[in-house]
All heavy atoms as atom14 arrays in JSON, in Angstrom:
{
  "sequence": "LDADFSTPTSVTAAGFHYVIGSISAQEAAELFGAYVPTKEEVSRFL",
  "atom14_mask": [
    [1, 1, 1, 1, 1, 1, 1, 1, 0, 0, 0, 0, 0, 0],
    [1, 1, 1, 1, 1, 1, 1, 1, 0, 0, 0, 0, 0, 0],
    [1, 1, 1, 1, 1, 0, 0, 0, 0, 0, 0, 0, 0, 0],
    [1, 1, 1, 1, 1, 1, 1, 1, 0, 0, 0, 0, 0, 0],
    [1, 1, 1, 1, 1, 1, 1, 1, 1, 1, 1, 0, 0, 0],
    [1, 1, 1, 1, 1, 1, 0, 0, 0, 0, 0, 0, 0, 0],
    [1, 1, 1, 1, 1, 1, 1, 0, 0, 0, 0, 0, 0, 0],
    [1, 1, 1, 1, 1, 1, 1, 0, 0, 0, 0, 0, 0, 0],
    [1, 1, 1, 1, 1, 1, 1, 0, 0, 0, 0, 0, 0, 0],
    [1, 1, 1, 1, 1, 1, 0, 0, 0, 0, 0, 0, 0, 0],
    [1, 1, 1, 1, 1, 1, 1, 0, 0, 0, 0, 0, 0, 0],
    [1, 1, 1, 1, 1, 1, 1, 0, 0, 0, 0, 0, 0, 0],
    [1, 1, 1, 1, 1, 0, 0, 0, 0, 0, 0, 0, 0, 0],
    [1, 1, 1, 1, 1, 0, 0, 0, 0, 0, 0, 0, 0, 0],
    [1, 1, 1, 1, 0, 0, 0, 0, 0, 0, 0, 0, 0, 0],
    [1, 1, 1, 1, 1, 1, 1, 1, 1, 1, 1, 0, 0, 0],
    [1, 1, 1, 1, 1, 1, 1, 1, 1, 1, 0, 0, 0, 0],
    [1, 1, 1, 1, 1, 1, 1, 1, 1, 1, 1, 1, 0, 0],
    [1, 1, 1, 1, 1, 1, 1, 0, 0, 0, 0, 0, 0, 0],
    [1, 1, 1, 1, 1, 1, 1, 1, 0, 0, 0, 0, 0, 0],
    [1, 1, 1, 1, 0, 0, 0, 0, 0, 0, 0, 0, 0, 0],
    [1, 1, 1, 1, 1, 1, 0, 0, 0, 0, 0, 0, 0, 0],
    [1, 1, 1, 1, 1, 1, 1, 1, 0, 0, 0, 0, 0, 0],
    [1, 1, 1, 1, 1, 1, 0, 0, 0, 0, 0, 0, 0, 0],
    [1, 1, 1, 1, 1, 0, 0, 0, 0, 0, 0, 0, 0, 0],
    [1, 1, 1, 1, 1, 1, 1, 1, 1, 0, 0, 0, 0, 0],
    [1, 1, 1, 1, 1, 1, 1, 1, 1, 0, 0, 0, 0, 0],
    [1, 1, 1, 1, 1, 0, 0, 0, 0, 0, 0, 0, 0, 0],
    [1, 1, 1, 1, 1, 0, 0, 0, 0, 0, 0, 0, 0, 0],
    [1, 1, 1, 1, 1, 1, 1, 1, 1, 0, 0, 0, 0, 0],
    [1, 1, 1, 1, 1, 1, 1, 1, 0, 0, 0, 0, 0, 0],
    [1, 1, 1, 1, 1, 1, 1, 1, 1, 1, 1, 0, 0, 0],
    [1, 1, 1, 1, 0, 0, 0, 0, 0, 0, 0, 0, 0, 0],
    [1, 1, 1, 1, 1, 0, 0, 0, 0, 0, 0, 0, 0, 0],
    [1, 1, 1, 1, 1, 1, 1, 1, 1, 1, 1, 1, 0, 0],
    [1, 1, 1, 1, 1, 1, 1, 0, 0, 0, 0, 0, 0, 0],
    [1, 1, 1, 1, 1, 1, 1, 0, 0, 0, 0, 0, 0, 0],
    [1, 1, 1, 1, 1, 1, 1, 0, 0, 0, 0, 0, 0, 0],
    [1, 1, 1, 1, 1, 1, 1, 1, 1, 0, 0, 0, 0, 0],
    [1, 1, 1, 1, 1, 1, 1, 1, 1, 0, 0, 0, 0, 0],
    [1, 1, 1, 1, 1, 1, 1, 1, 1, 0, 0, 0, 0, 0],
    [1, 1, 1, 1, 1, 1, 1, 0, 0, 0, 0, 0, 0, 0],
    [1, 1, 1, 1, 1, 1, 0, 0, 0, 0, 0, 0, 0, 0],
    [1, 1, 1, 1, 1, 1, 1, 1, 1, 1, 1, 0, 0, 0],
    [1, 1, 1, 1, 1, 1, 1, 1, 1, 1, 1, 0, 0, 0],
    [1, 1, 1, 1, 1, 1, 1, 1, 0, 0, 0, 0, 0, 0]
  ],
  "atom14_positions": [
    [[25.68, 17.1, 66.78], [25.87, 18.25, 65.91], [24.85, 19.32, 66.31], [23.9, 19.03, 67.03], [25.64, 17.83, 64.45], [26.65, 16.84, 63.89], [26.08, 16.14, 62.66], [27.94, 17.54, 63.55], [0.0, 0.0, 0.0], [0.0, 0.0, 0.0], [0.0, 0.0, 0.0], [0.0, 0.0, 0.0], [0.0, 0.0, 0.0], [0.0, 0.0, 0.0]],
    [[25.04, 20.53, 65.83], [24.05, 21.58, 66.06], [22.76, 21.22, 65.31], [22.75, 20.31, 64.47], [24.57, 22.93, 65.59], [25.55, 23.56, 66.58], [25.57, 23.15, 67.76], [26.29, 24.46, 66.16], [0.0, 0.0, 0.0], [0.0, 0.0, 0.0], [0.0, 0.0, 0.0], [0.0, 0.0, 0.0], [0.0, 0.0, 0.0], [0.0, 0.0, 0.0]],
    [[21.7, 21.95, 65.57], [20.4, 21.7, 64.94], [20.47, 21.71, 63.42], [19.73, 20.99, 62.75], [19.38, 22.71, 65.43], [0.0, 0.0, 0.0], [0.0, 0.0, 0.0], [0.0, 0.0, 0.0], [0.0, 0.0, 0.0], [0.0, 0.0, 0.0], [0.0, 0.0, 0.0], [0.0, 0.0, 0.0], [0.0, 0.0, 0.0], [0.0, 0.0, 0.0]],
    [[21.4, 22.49, 62.85], [21.54, 22.55, 61.39], [22.61, 21.58, 60.89], [23.11, 21.69, 59.77], [21.85, 23.98, 60.94], [23.19, 24.5, 61.46], [23.83, 23.81, 62.3], [23.59, 25.59, 61.05], [0.0, 0.0, 0.0], [0.0, 0.0, 0.0], [0.0, 0.0, 0.0], [0.0, 0.0, 0.0], [0.0, 0.0, 0.0], [0.0, 0.0, 0.0]],
    [[22.98, 20.61, 61.74], [23.97, 19.58, 61.43], [25.37, 20.14, 61.19], [26.17, 19.56, 60.46], [23.52, 18.68, 60.26], [22.48, 17.68, 60.67], [21.13, 18.02, 60.65], [22.83, 16.41, 61.1], [20.15, 17.13, 61.04], [21.86, 15.51, 61.49], [20.52, 15.86, 61.47], [0.0, 0.0, 0.0], [0.0, 0.0, 0.0], [0.0, 0.0, 0.0]],
    [[25.69, 21.26, 61.82], [27.04, 21.82, 61.75], [27.78, 21.47, 63.04], [27.2, 21.04, 64.02], [26.98, 23.33, 61.54], [26.36, 23.95, 62.64], [0.0, 0.0, 0.0], [0.0, 0.0, 0.0], [0.0, 0.0, 0.0], [0.0, 0.0, 0.0], [0.0, 0.0, 0.0], [0.0, 0.0, 0.0], [0.0, 0.0, 0.0], [0.0, 0.0, 0.0]],
    [[29.09, 21.69, 63.02], [29.92, 21.43, 64.19], [29.68, 22.51, 65.23], [29.75, 23.7, 64.91], [31.41, 21.41, 63.8], [31.59, 20.41, 62.8], [32.29, 21.11, 64.99], [0.0, 0.0, 0.0], [0.0, 0.0, 0.0], [0.0, 0.0, 0.0], [0.0, 0.0, 0.0], [0.0, 0.0, 0.0], [0.0, 0.0, 0.0], [0.0, 0.0, 0.0]],
    [[29.41, 22.11, 66.47], [29.19, 23.12, 67.52], [30.42, 24.01, 67.71], [31.57, 23.54, 67.63], [28.94, 22.28, 68.77], [28.46, 20.96, 68.26], [29.2, 20.75, 66.96], [0.0, 0.0, 0.0], [0.0, 0.0, 0.0], [0.0, 0.0, 0.0], [0.0, 0.0, 0.0], [0.0, 0.0, 0.0], [0.0, 0.0, 0.0], [0.0, 0.0, 0.0]],
    [[30.19, 25.28, 67.96], [31.27, 26.25, 68.16], [32.17, 25.84, 69.32], [33.39, 25.99, 69.24], [30.68, 27.65, 68.42], [29.79, 27.97, 67.36], [31.76, 28.7, 68.5], [0.0, 0.0, 0.0], [0.0, 0.0, 0.0], [0.0, 0.0, 0.0], [0.0, 0.0, 0.0], [0.0, 0.0, 0.0], [0.0, 0.0, 0.0], [0.0, 0.0, 0.0]],
    [[31.59, 25.28, 70.37], [32.38, 24.87, 71.53], [33.36, 23.76, 71.18], [34.45, 23.67, 71.75], [31.46, 24.41, 72.67], [30.67, 23.3, 72.25], [0.0, 0.0, 0.0], [0.0, 0.0, 0.0], [0.0, 0.0, 0.0], [0.0, 0.0, 0.0], [0.0, 0.0, 0.0], [0.0, 0.0, 0.0], [0.0, 0.0, 0.0], [0.0, 0.0, 0.0]],
    [[33.01, 22.94, 70.22], [33.88, 21.84, 69.78], [35.08, 22.41, 69.01], [36.22, 22.04, 69.28], [33.09, 20.82, 68.92], [34.01, 19.8, 68.29], [32.03, 20.14, 69.77], [0.0, 0.0, 0.0], [0.0, 0.0, 0.0], [0.0, 0.0, 0.0], [0.0, 0.0, 0.0], [0.0, 0.0, 0.0], [0.0, 0.0, 0.0], [0.0, 0.0, 0.0]],
    [[34.82, 23.3, 68.07], [35.92, 23.89, 67.31], [36.79, 24.77, 68.21], [38.0, 24.81, 68.04], [35.42, 24.69, 66.09], [34.47, 25.65, 66.51], [34.78, 23.77, 65.07], [0.0, 0.0, 0.0], [0.0, 0.0, 0.0], [0.0, 0.0, 0.0], [0.0, 0.0, 0.0], [0.0, 0.0, 0.0], [0.0, 0.0, 0.0], [0.0, 0.0, 0.0]],
    [[36.17, 25.45, 69.17], [36.94, 26.29, 70.09], [37.9, 25.45, 70.94], [38.95, 25.93, 71.36], [36.0, 27.08, 70.99], [0.0, 0.0, 0.0], [0.0, 0.0, 0.0], [0.0, 0.0, 0.0], [0.0, 0.0, 0.0], [0.0, 0.0, 0.0], [0.0, 0.0, 0.0], [0.0, 0.0, 0.0], [0.0, 0.0, 0.0], [0.0, 0.0, 0.0]],
    [[37.55, 24.19, 71.17], [38.4, 23.29, 71.95], [39.47, 22.61, 71.08], [40.24, 21.78, 71.56], [37.54, 22.23, 72.64], [0.0, 0.0, 0.0], [0.0, 0.0, 0.0], [0.0, 0.0, 0.0], [0.0, 0.0, 0.0], [0.0, 0.0, 0.0], [0.0, 0.0, 0.0], [0.0, 0.0, 0.0], [0.0, 0.0, 0.0], [0.0, 0.0, 0.0]],
    [[39.53, 22.96, 69.78], [40.56, 22.44, 68.9], [40.2, 21.15, 68.18], [41.05, 20.5, 67.6], [0.0, 0.0, 0.0], [0.0, 0.0, 0.0], [0.0, 0.0, 0.0], [0.0, 0.0, 0.0], [0.0, 0.0, 0.0], [0.0, 0.0, 0.0], [0.0, 0.0, 0.0], [0.0, 0.0, 0.0], [0.0, 0.0, 0.0], [0.0, 0.0, 0.0]],
    [[38.92, 20.78, 68.22], [38.48, 19.56, 67.55], [37.92, 19.89, 66.16], [37.38, 20.97, 65.95], [37.4, 18.85, 68.38], [37.94, 18.2, 69.63], [38.07, 18.93, 70.79], [38.31, 16.87, 69.63], [38.57, 18.34, 71.95], [38.81, 16.26, 70.77], [38.95, 17.01, 71.94], [0.0, 0.0, 0.0], [0.0, 0.0, 0.0], [0.0, 0.0, 0.0]],
    [[38.05, 18.93, 65.26], [37.57, 19.09, 63.88], [36.62, 17.94, 63.55], [36.79, 16.82, 64.03], [38.75, 19.06, 62.89], [39.76, 20.12, 63.16], [39.69, 21.36, 62.59], [40.85, 20.13, 63.97], [40.71, 22.09, 63.02], [41.42, 21.36, 63.87], [0.0, 0.0, 0.0], [0.0, 0.0, 0.0], [0.0, 0.0, 0.0], [0.0, 0.0, 0.0]],
    [[35.65, 18.22, 62.7], [34.7, 17.2, 62.26], [35.44, 16.1, 61.51], [36.27, 16.38, 60.64], [33.66, 17.86, 61.34], [32.67, 16.91, 60.71], [31.49, 16.6, 61.35], [32.93, 16.34, 59.47], [30.57, 15.73, 60.77], [32.02, 15.48, 58.88], [30.84, 15.18, 59.53], [29.94, 14.33, 58.96], [0.0, 0.0, 0.0], [0.0, 0.0, 0.0]],
    [[35.13, 14.85, 61.85], [35.72, 13.71, 61.15], [34.68, 13.04, 60.26], [34.84, 12.96, 59.05], [36.32, 12.67, 62.14], [36.87, 11.47, 61.39], [37.38, 13.3, 63.01], [0.0, 0.0, 0.0], [0.0, 0.0, 0.0], [0.0, 0.0, 0.0], [0.0, 0.0, 0.0], [0.0, 0.0, 0.0], [0.0, 0.0, 0.0], [0.0, 0.0, 0.0]],
    [[33.59, 12.58, 60.87], [32.53, 11.91, 60.12], [31.27, 11.88, 60.97], [31.34, 11.75, 62.2], [32.94, 10.49, 59.68], [31.97, 9.92, 58.64], [33.1, 9.57, 60.88], [32.45, 8.66, 57.95], [0.0, 0.0, 0.0], [0.0, 0.0, 0.0], [0.0, 0.0, 0.0], [0.0, 0.0, 0.0], [0.0, 0.0, 0.0], [0.0, 0.0, 0.0]],
    [[30.14, 12.01, 60.31], [28.86, 11.94, 61.0], [28.32, 10.53, 61.01], [28.71, 9.68, 60.2], [0.0, 0.0, 0.0], [0.0, 0.0, 0.0], [0.0, 0.0, 0.0], [0.0, 0.0, 0.0], [0.0, 0.0, 0.0], [0.0, 0.0, 0.0], [0.0, 0.0, 0.0], [0.0, 0.0, 0.0], [0.0, 0.0, 0.0], [0.0, 0.0, 0.0]],
    [[27.4, 10.29, 61.91], [26.81, 8.97, 62.05], [26.11, 8.51, 60.77], [26.27, 7.37, 60.34], [25.81, 8.97, 63.21], [25.2, 7.72, 63.35], [0.0, 0.0, 0.0], [0.0, 0.0, 0.0], [0.0, 0.0, 0.0], [0.0, 0.0, 0.0], [0.0, 0.0, 0.0], [0.0, 0.0, 0.0], [0.0, 0.0, 0.0], [0.0, 0.0, 0.0]],
    [[25.36, 9.4, 60.15], [24.64, 9.03, 58.92], [25.63, 8.65, 57.82], [25.47, 7.61, 57.16], [23.72, 10.18, 58.45], [22.59, 10.4, 59.46], [23.15, 9.88, 57.07], [21.75, 11.63, 59.19], [0.0, 0.0, 0.0], [0.0, 0.0, 0.0], [0.0, 0.0, 0.0], [0.0, 0.0, 0.0], [0.0, 0.0, 0.0], [0.0, 0.0, 0.0]],
    [[26.67, 9.44, 57.62], [27.68, 9.13, 56.59], [28.38, 7.81, 56.89], [28.64, 7.02, 55.98], [28.72, 10.25, 56.5], [28.12, 11.43, 56.05], [0.0, 0.0, 0.0], [0.0, 0.0, 0.0], [0.0, 0.0, 0.0], [0.0, 0.0, 0.0], [0.0, 0.0, 0.0], [0.0, 0.0, 0.0], [0.0, 0.0, 0.0], [0.0, 0.0, 0.0]],
    [[28.68, 7.57, 58.16], [29.36, 6.33, 58.55], [28.46, 5.13, 58.29], [28.92, 4.09, 57.79], [29.76, 6.4, 60.02], [0.0, 0.0, 0.0], [0.0, 0.0, 0.0], [0.0, 0.0, 0.0], [0.0, 0.0, 0.0], [0.0, 0.0, 0.0], [0.0, 0.0, 0.0], [0.0, 0.0, 0.0], [0.0, 0.0, 0.0], [0.0, 0.0, 0.0]],
    [[27.18, 5.26, 58.63], [26.24, 4.16, 58.41], [26.11, 3.85, 56.92], [26.12, 2.69, 56.52], [24.86, 4.51, 58.99], [24.85, 4.56, 60.5], [23.59, 5.23, 61.04], [22.66, 5.54, 60.32], [23.58, 5.47, 62.35], [0.0, 0.0, 0.0], [0.0, 0.0, 0.0], [0.0, 0.0, 0.0], [0.0, 0.0, 0.0], [0.0, 0.0, 0.0]],
    [[25.99, 4.9, 56.11], [25.86, 4.71, 54.67], [27.13, 4.07, 54.08], [27.05, 3.18, 53.24], [25.55, 6.03, 53.98], [24.16, 6.54, 54.27], [23.89, 7.95, 53.75], [24.85, 8.62, 53.28], [22.74, 8.39, 53.84], [0.0, 0.0, 0.0], [0.0, 0.0, 0.0], [0.0, 0.0, 0.0], [0.0, 0.0, 0.0], [0.0, 0.0, 0.0]],
    [[28.29, 4.52, 54.53], [29.55, 3.97, 54.03], [29.69, 2.5, 54.43], [30.12, 1.67, 53.64], [30.72, 4.78, 54.55], [0.0, 0.0, 0.0], [0.0, 0.0, 0.0], [0.0, 0.0, 0.0], [0.0, 0.0, 0.0], [0.0, 0.0, 0.0], [0.0, 0.0, 0.0], [0.0, 0.0, 0.0], [0.0, 0.0, 0.0], [0.0, 0.0, 0.0]],
    [[29.3, 2.18, 55.66], [29.44, 0.8, 56.16], [28.56, -0.18, 55.41], [28.81, -1.39, 55.43], [29.15, 0.76, 57.65], [0.0, 0.0, 0.0], [0.0, 0.0, 0.0], [0.0, 0.0, 0.0], [0.0, 0.0, 0.0], [0.0, 0.0, 0.0], [0.0, 0.0, 0.0], [0.0, 0.0, 0.0], [0.0, 0.0, 0.0], [0.0, 0.0, 0.0]],
    [[27.54, 0.32, 54.72], [26.69, -0.57, 53.92], [27.48, -1.25, 52.81], [27.08, -2.28, 52.29], [25.52, 0.22, 53.32], [24.49, 0.62, 54.35], [23.37, 1.48, 53.76], [23.33, 1.69, 52.52], [22.54, 1.95, 54.56], [0.0, 0.0, 0.0], [0.0, 0.0, 0.0], [0.0, 0.0, 0.0], [0.0, 0.0, 0.0], [0.0, 0.0, 0.0]],
    [[28.62, -0.68, 52.47], [29.47, -1.26, 51.43], [29.96, -2.66, 51.81], [30.26, -3.47, 50.95], [30.67, -0.34, 51.16], [31.54, -0.7, 49.96], [30.73, -0.59, 48.66], [32.74, 0.21, 49.89], [0.0, 0.0, 0.0], [0.0, 0.0, 0.0], [0.0, 0.0, 0.0], [0.0, 0.0, 0.0], [0.0, 0.0, 0.0], [0.0, 0.0, 0.0]],
    [[29.99, -2.97, 53.1], [30.42, -4.29, 53.54], [29.43, -5.37, 53.09], [29.77, -6.54, 53.04], [30.59, -4.35, 55.06], [31.85, -3.72, 55.55], [31.82, -2.53, 56.25], [33.07, -4.32, 55.33], [32.99, -1.94, 56.72], [34.25, -3.75, 55.8], [34.21, -2.56, 56.49], [0.0, 0.0, 0.0], [0.0, 0.0, 0.0], [0.0, 0.0, 0.0]],
    [[28.2, -4.98, 52.78], [27.2, -5.96, 52.35], [26.91, -6.97, 53.43], [26.73, -6.62, 54.6], [0.0, 0.0, 0.0], [0.0, 0.0, 0.0], [0.0, 0.0, 0.0], [0.0, 0.0, 0.0], [0.0, 0.0, 0.0], [0.0, 0.0, 0.0], [0.0, 0.0, 0.0], [0.0, 0.0, 0.0], [0.0, 0.0, 0.0], [0.0, 0.0, 0.0]],
    [[26.91, -8.23, 53.07], [26.59, -9.31, 54.02], [27.77, -9.61, 54.95], [27.6, -10.27, 55.97], [26.19, -10.57, 53.26], [0.0, 0.0, 0.0], [0.0, 0.0, 0.0], [0.0, 0.0, 0.0], [0.0, 0.0, 0.0], [0.0, 0.0, 0.0], [0.0, 0.0, 0.0], [0.0, 0.0, 0.0], [0.0, 0.0, 0.0], [0.0, 0.0, 0.0]],
    [[28.94, -9.14, 54.59], [30.13, -9.37, 55.42], [29.99, -8.61, 56.73], [29.63, -7.43, 56.74], [31.39, -8.92, 54.68], [32.66, -9.06, 55.5], [33.26, -10.29, 55.65], [33.23, -7.95, 56.11], [34.41, -10.44, 56.4], [34.39, -8.08, 56.85], [34.97, -9.32, 57.0], [36.12, -9.45, 57.75], [0.0, 0.0, 0.0], [0.0, 0.0, 0.0]],
    [[30.25, -9.28, 57.86], [30.18, -8.63, 59.17], [31.6, -8.27, 59.6], [32.39, -9.14, 59.98], [29.52, -9.56, 60.22], [29.48, -8.87, 61.57], [28.13, -9.97, 59.77], [0.0, 0.0, 0.0], [0.0, 0.0, 0.0], [0.0, 0.0, 0.0], [0.0, 0.0, 0.0], [0.0, 0.0, 0.0], [0.0, 0.0, 0.0], [0.0, 0.0, 0.0]],
    [[31.94, -6.98, 59.53], [33.32, -6.56, 59.86], [33.56, -6.54, 61.37], [32.63, -6.37, 62.16], [33.39, -5.15, 59.29], [31.98, -4.65, 59.39], [31.11, -5.86, 59.13], [0.0, 0.0, 0.0], [0.0, 0.0, 0.0], [0.0, 0.0, 0.0], [0.0, 0.0, 0.0], [0.0, 0.0, 0.0], [0.0, 0.0, 0.0], [0.0, 0.0, 0.0]],
    [[34.82, -6.68, 61.74], [35.21, -6.51, 63.14], [35.22, -5.02, 63.46], [35.2, -4.18, 62.53], [36.62, -7.08, 63.39], [37.56, -6.29, 62.64], [36.71, -8.55, 62.99], [0.0, 0.0, 0.0], [0.0, 0.0, 0.0], [0.0, 0.0, 0.0], [0.0, 0.0, 0.0], [0.0, 0.0, 0.0], [0.0, 0.0, 0.0], [0.0, 0.0, 0.0]],
    [[35.28, -4.67, 64.73], [35.36, -3.26, 65.11], [36.63, -2.63, 64.54], [36.63, -1.49, 64.13], [35.31, -3.1, 66.63], [33.94, -3.28, 67.19], [33.88, -2.92, 68.65], [32.45, -2.96, 69.11], [32.25, -2.26, 70.37], [0.0, 0.0, 0.0], [0.0, 0.0, 0.0], [0.0, 0.0, 0.0], [0.0, 0.0, 0.0], [0.0, 0.0, 0.0]],
    [[37.7, -3.39, 64.51], [38.97, -2.92, 63.95], [38.81, -2.59, 62.46], [39.27, -1.56, 61.97], [40.06, -3.97, 64.14], [41.28, -3.78, 63.28], [42.4, -3.05, 63.96], [42.36, -2.85, 65.18], [43.34, -2.67, 63.24], [0.0, 0.0, 0.0], [0.0, 0.0, 0.0], [0.0, 0.0, 0.0], [0.0, 0.0, 0.0], [0.0, 0.0, 0.0]],
    [[38.14, -3.46, 61.72], [37.92, -3.22, 60.3], [37.04, -1.99, 60.07], [37.31, -1.2, 59.17], [37.28, -4.45, 59.64], [38.24, -5.61, 59.5], [37.57, -6.88, 59.04], [36.39, -7.12, 59.41], [38.23, -7.65, 58.31], [0.0, 0.0, 0.0], [0.0, 0.0, 0.0], [0.0, 0.0, 0.0], [0.0, 0.0, 0.0], [0.0, 0.0, 0.0]],
    [[36.01, -1.84, 60.89], [35.14, -0.66, 60.78], [35.96, 0.6, 61.01], [35.86, 1.57, 60.26], [33.96, -0.74, 61.77], [33.21, 0.58, 61.82], [33.01, -1.87, 61.38], [0.0, 0.0, 0.0], [0.0, 0.0, 0.0], [0.0, 0.0, 0.0], [0.0, 0.0, 0.0], [0.0, 0.0, 0.0], [0.0, 0.0, 0.0], [0.0, 0.0, 0.0]],
    [[36.8, 0.59, 62.04], [37.63, 1.76, 62.35], [38.58, 2.09, 61.21], [38.68, 3.25, 60.79], [38.43, 1.51, 63.63], [37.57, 1.38, 64.72], [0.0, 0.0, 0.0], [0.0, 0.0, 0.0], [0.0, 0.0, 0.0], [0.0, 0.0, 0.0], [0.0, 0.0, 0.0], [0.0, 0.0, 0.0], [0.0, 0.0, 0.0], [0.0, 0.0, 0.0]],
    [[39.29, 1.09, 60.7], [40.24, 1.31, 59.6], [39.52, 1.83, 58.36], [39.99, 2.75, 57.68], [40.97, 0.01, 59.25], [42.05, -0.37, 60.23], [42.81, -1.65, 59.86], [42.85, -1.96, 58.46], [42.56, -3.17, 57.96], [42.2, -4.17, 58.74], [42.64, -3.39, 56.65], [0.0, 0.0, 0.0], [0.0, 0.0, 0.0], [0.0, 0.0, 0.0]],
    [[38.38, 1.23, 58.06], [37.58, 1.61, 56.9], [37.11, 3.05, 57.0], [37.28, 3.85, 56.08], [36.39, 0.64, 56.79], [35.36, 1.05, 55.78], [35.59, 0.87, 54.42], [34.15, 1.59, 56.18], [34.63, 1.23, 53.49], [33.19, 1.94, 55.25], [33.43, 1.77, 53.9], [0.0, 0.0, 0.0], [0.0, 0.0, 0.0], [0.0, 0.0, 0.0]],
    [[36.51, 3.42, 58.14], [35.96, 4.76, 58.29], [37.04, 5.83, 58.38], [36.85, 6.94, 57.9], [35.02, 4.83, 59.5], [33.71, 4.05, 59.35], [32.91, 4.11, 60.65], [32.89, 4.56, 58.18], [0.0, 0.0, 0.0], [0.0, 0.0, 0.0], [0.0, 0.0, 0.0], [0.0, 0.0, 0.0], [0.0, 0.0, 0.0], [0.0, 0.0, 0.0]]
  ]
}
């Protein structure tokens, strides 16, 4: 992300949109608790 945690202009100019940031994904994944999800489950969840 840019220094202010915004989407870089070059990314939006290329037609891409923000989906999720690493920090938000990490915080959301904590919901799994002690359960260790598969990569497929992480993808579906996020």
